[in-house]
Amino acid sequence: MNTFLSYLAVLALFVLVLLPALVGFARERRIDRALREAERRGGAEPPETAGAARPVTATRRLYARSWARAQKTV
């Protein structure tokens, strides 16, 4: 019985440590799914914002070199 309780305690601690990571992973997947769905829908705008000005969006540039190599050395 003592061994069973020890295994149960270790399992409970393991779940307690992994729970925040699993919740975060599930949240990230939900956000990714929503972004993919919005991208798939494309340029369909809701009618109330059809005449509004579009916000300016910045494009992300991918750097081939790392940040440390991009700095100038003196």
C-alpha atoms as a PDB file:
ATOM      1  CA  MET A   1       0.000   0.000   0.000  1.00  0.00           C
ATOM      2  CA  ASN A   2       2.874   2.327   0.796  1.00  0.00           C
ATOM      3  CA  THR A   3       4.410   1.775  -2.645  1.00  0.00           C
ATOM      4  CA  PHE A   4       1.096   2.542  -4.326  1.00  0.00           C
ATOM      5  CA  LEU A   5       0.803   5.831  -2.426  1.00  0.00           C
ATOM      6  CA  SER A   6       4.369   6.730  -3.388  1.00  0.00           C
ATOM      7  CA  TYR A   7       3.620   6.104  -7.058  1.00  0.00           C
ATOM      8  CA  LEU A   8       0.418   8.110  -6.740  1.00  0.00           C
ATOM      9  CA  ALA A   9       2.284  11.029  -5.156  1.00  0.00           C
ATOM     10  CA  VAL A  10       4.907  11.017  -7.927  1.00  0.00           C
ATOM     11  CA  LEU A  11       2.179  10.895 -10.560  1.00  0.00           C
ATOM     12  CA  ALA A  12       0.340  13.805  -8.910  1.00  0.00           C
ATOM     13  CA  LEU A  13       3.524  15.911  -8.863  1.00  0.00           C
ATOM     14  CA  PHE A  14       4.247  15.013 -12.474  1.00  0.00           C
ATOM     15  CA  VAL A  15       0.757  16.139 -13.517  1.00  0.00           C
ATOM     16  CA  LEU A  16       1.087  19.302 -11.435  1.00  0.00           C
ATOM     17  CA  VAL A  17       4.322  20.213 -13.212  1.00  0.00           C
ATOM     18  CA  LEU A  18       3.076  19.378 -16.725  1.00  0.00           C
ATOM     19  CA  LEU A  19      -0.383  20.931 -16.460  1.00  0.00           C
ATOM     20  CA  PRO A  20       0.624  24.555 -17.237  1.00  0.00           C
ATOM     21  CA  ALA A  21       2.626  23.441 -20.268  1.00  0.00           C
ATOM     22  CA  LEU A  22      -0.259  21.364 -21.609  1.00  0.00           C
ATOM     23  CA  VAL A  23      -2.742  24.208 -21.099  1.00  0.00           C
ATOM     24  CA  GLY A  24      -0.392  26.601 -22.925  1.00  0.00           C
ATOM     25  CA  PHE A  25       0.085  24.132 -25.759  1.00  0.00           C
ATOM     26  CA  ALA A  26      -3.686  23.739 -26.160  1.00  0.00           C
ATOM     27  CA  ARG A  27      -4.124  27.531 -26.178  1.00  0.00           C
ATOM     28  CA  GLU A  28      -1.427  27.967 -28.845  1.00  0.00           C
ATOM     29  CA  ARG A  29      -3.070  25.335 -31.058  1.00  0.00           C
ATOM     30  CA  ARG A  30      -6.439  27.089 -30.700  1.00  0.00           C
ATOM     31  CA  ILE A  31      -4.881  30.416 -31.721  1.00  0.00           C
ATOM     32  CA  ASP A  32      -3.088  28.791 -34.672  1.00  0.00           C
ATOM     33  CA  ARG A  33      -6.325  27.201 -35.812  1.00  0.00           C
ATOM     34  CA  ALA A  34      -8.117  30.558 -35.650  1.00  0.00           C
ATOM     35  CA  LEU A  35      -5.340  32.260 -37.624  1.00  0.00           C
ATOM     36  CA  ARG A  36      -5.366  29.557 -40.306  1.00  0.00           C
ATOM     37  CA  GLU A  37      -9.146  29.850 -40.620  1.00  0.00           C
ATOM     38  CA  ALA A  38      -8.931  33.634 -40.953  1.00  0.00           C
ATOM     39  CA  GLU A  39      -6.199  33.297 -43.570  1.00  0.00           C
ATOM     40  CA  ARG A  40      -8.247  30.741 -45.493  1.00  0.00           C
ATOM     41  CA  ARG A  41     -11.244  33.078 -45.576  1.00  0.00           C
ATOM     42  CA  GLY A  42      -9.046  35.617 -47.308  1.00  0.00           C
ATOM     43  CA  GLY A  43     -10.160  39.131 -48.065  1.00  0.00           C
ATOM     44  CA  ALA A  44     -13.766  38.829 -46.971  1.00  0.00           C
ATOM     45  CA  GLU A  45     -14.464  41.895 -44.838  1.00  0.00           C
ATOM     46  CA  PRO A  46     -17.484  42.401 -42.629  1.00  0.00           C
ATOM     47  CA  PRO A  47     -19.907  44.944 -44.132  1.00  0.00           C
ATOM     48  CA  GLU A  48     -19.536  47.474 -41.278  1.00  0.00           C
ATOM     49  CA  THR A  49     -15.782  47.894 -41.910  1.00  0.00           C
ATOM     50  CA  ALA A  50     -15.867  47.807 -45.710  1.00  0.00           C
ATOM     51  CA  GLY A  51     -15.583  51.611 -46.051  1.00  0.00           C
ATOM     52  CA  ALA A  52     -13.143  52.143 -43.188  1.00  0.00           C
ATOM     53  CA  ALA A  53      -9.473  52.886 -43.719  1.00  0.00           C
ATOM     54  CA  ARG A  54      -7.219  49.855 -43.573  1.00  0.00           C
ATOM     55  CA  PRO A  55      -4.616  49.751 -40.824  1.00  0.00           C
ATOM     56  CA  VAL A  56      -0.977  49.874 -41.817  1.00  0.00           C
ATOM     57  CA  THR A  57       0.730  46.546 -41.292  1.00  0.00           C
ATOM     58  CA  ALA A  58       4.461  46.068 -41.077  1.00  0.00           C
ATOM     59  CA  THR A  59       6.120  43.213 -42.893  1.00  0.00           C
ATOM     60  CA  ARG A  60       8.528  41.012 -40.998  1.00  0.00           C
ATOM     61  CA  ARG A  61      11.971  40.552 -42.442  1.00  0.00           C
ATOM     62  CA  LEU A  62      13.841  37.367 -41.760  1.00  0.00           C
ATOM     63  CA  TYR A  63      17.532  37.843 -41.142  1.00  0.00           C
ATOM     64  CA  ALA A  64      19.975  35.268 -42.471  1.00  0.00           C
ATOM     65  CA  ARG A  65      22.492  36.031 -39.757  1.00  0.00           C
ATOM     66  CA  SER A  66      22.097  35.944 -36.034  1.00  0.00           C
ATOM     67  CA  TRP A  67      21.756  39.109 -33.972  1.00  0.00           C
ATOM     68  CA  ALA A  68      25.305  38.809 -32.631  1.00  0.00           C
ATOM     69  CA  ARG A  69      26.785  38.706 -36.127  1.00  0.00           C
ATOM     70  CA  ALA A  70      24.621  41.565 -37.370  1.00  0.00           C
ATOM     71  CA  GLN A  71      26.228  44.003 -34.893  1.00  0.00           C
ATOM     72  CA  LYS A  72      29.177  46.062 -36.053  1.00  0.00           C
ATOM     73  CA  THR A  73      32.411  45.333 -34.266  1.00  0.00           C
ATOM     74  CA  VAL A  74      34.623  48.287 -33.438  1.00  0.00           C
END
